[in-house]
Amino acid sequence: MHQITGGIAIAMLAATLGGCVTKGESVNQDNDLQSFPILKLEKTDTVLHRHYVADIQAVRNVEVRARINGFLNKIHIDEGQQVKKGQLLFSMNDEEHRAELARAKAALSSAIAEAKGASLEADRIKLLVEKKVISATELEVAQAKLAAFNAKIDEARSAEFNAATQLSYTSIRAPFDGFIDRIPLKAGSFVSEGSLLTSVSDIHEVYAYFNVSETEYLEYIKSGRDARRSVELELADGSAYHHDGKVETVESEFEENTGSIAFRARFPNPQQVLKHGASGKVTLTNRIDSCLLLPQKAVFEMQDKNYVYVLDSNNHVKMRSFEPGARISHSYLVQSGLKPGERIVYEGVRNLRDGMKISPKQVQEGRQAL
């Protein structure tokens, strides 16, 4: 009996020891698992910054051209000079046009005198007709002559106006307040009608034109186009322009070749830093609500597709492809393929393989380089 009891005790001890070994091995296996930082996907609001090359133009830039043929007598301004509306810019030789105006005035005076004489003659003949001294036909002839002389007055007055206009073209004045651009001709040059004399730029404000893709245009519309959006400008040397601009308008159709559409923003230019024809980069900001952001370091590519490792409830990783949208700093905006609440391996994806079990370590909020 004692032998049986002893045997049972030995068997139970062996089973207990065996169980302890098995449990210890399981603990050791869990302890041997590699630890990886894990990120739980959650919806968030973010701001998307898009950068575009901008073409800067003056709000008004007008070419000043000669309207008549002649010699350029004098240039009254210099390149880069600020001018006021109506200020004299160029003087052309005007002797011929002054003579033409004098002839036109003389012809007008002569026509007026002839018409006055014809009017007196018509009045005299009218009295004679009323007294039945001469026939009414004579009066009709006199009145026809008077009408012809009145027509000559109109013709002479038109010629005088034309001569005065031609004379005015010899003095070229600024169409508005602005800055003078390059002056290609020198004093004494013969100028043909239509020749470019200079350009005048009104740069108290400037336009920045930039092209936006159709996808980015839709982002802009969905984020609230009705409010005129502020935009920032980066100058050609990489420095930030000190004044924000406003998106004023969007063109009505997309360019067939590029699939883009042009935006126009207006920037104040009180110090005249920006010049017509300059370049820069415009930053357009769109607010996106309830989106999923995925750190770029959690993503890897295979055969032109983007993948992440998703962690299941048993801490096994599984490769999954997803569709990325816009890139925001060091993150991707997720379009499809991932859902809120899923756990993603945040870092070290090159050391993983599909189906591998890991020891997850939750990434602290704020650590992600979003």
Foldseek 3Di string as FASTA:
>chain_A
DVVVVVVVVVVVVVVVVVVVVVVVVVVVVQVPFAEFAKEFWFWFKDKFKDKWKWWKAFPDKFFFFQAAWFFWADADDAAFDWDFAFAWGTATDQPVLVVQLVVLVVQLVVLVVQLVVLVVVLVVVVVCVVVVVDPCVVNVVSVVSSVVSVVSNVVSVVSNVVSVVNSVSRTGTHNGTFGWHDAPDDGGDTHHRGHTGTMGGRPQKMKIKGKDAPVVVVLCVVQPVPPFFWKWKAFPVRHTDPWIWTWDDWDDDADPVPRITMTMIMTGDNPVPDHGRGMTMMMGMGMDGGWIKAFQQQWDDDPNWIWGWWQDPQQFTAIWTFDFDDDGQRITTTDDGDDGRIMTRRHDPVPDDHGDHHHYDYDDPPPGPD
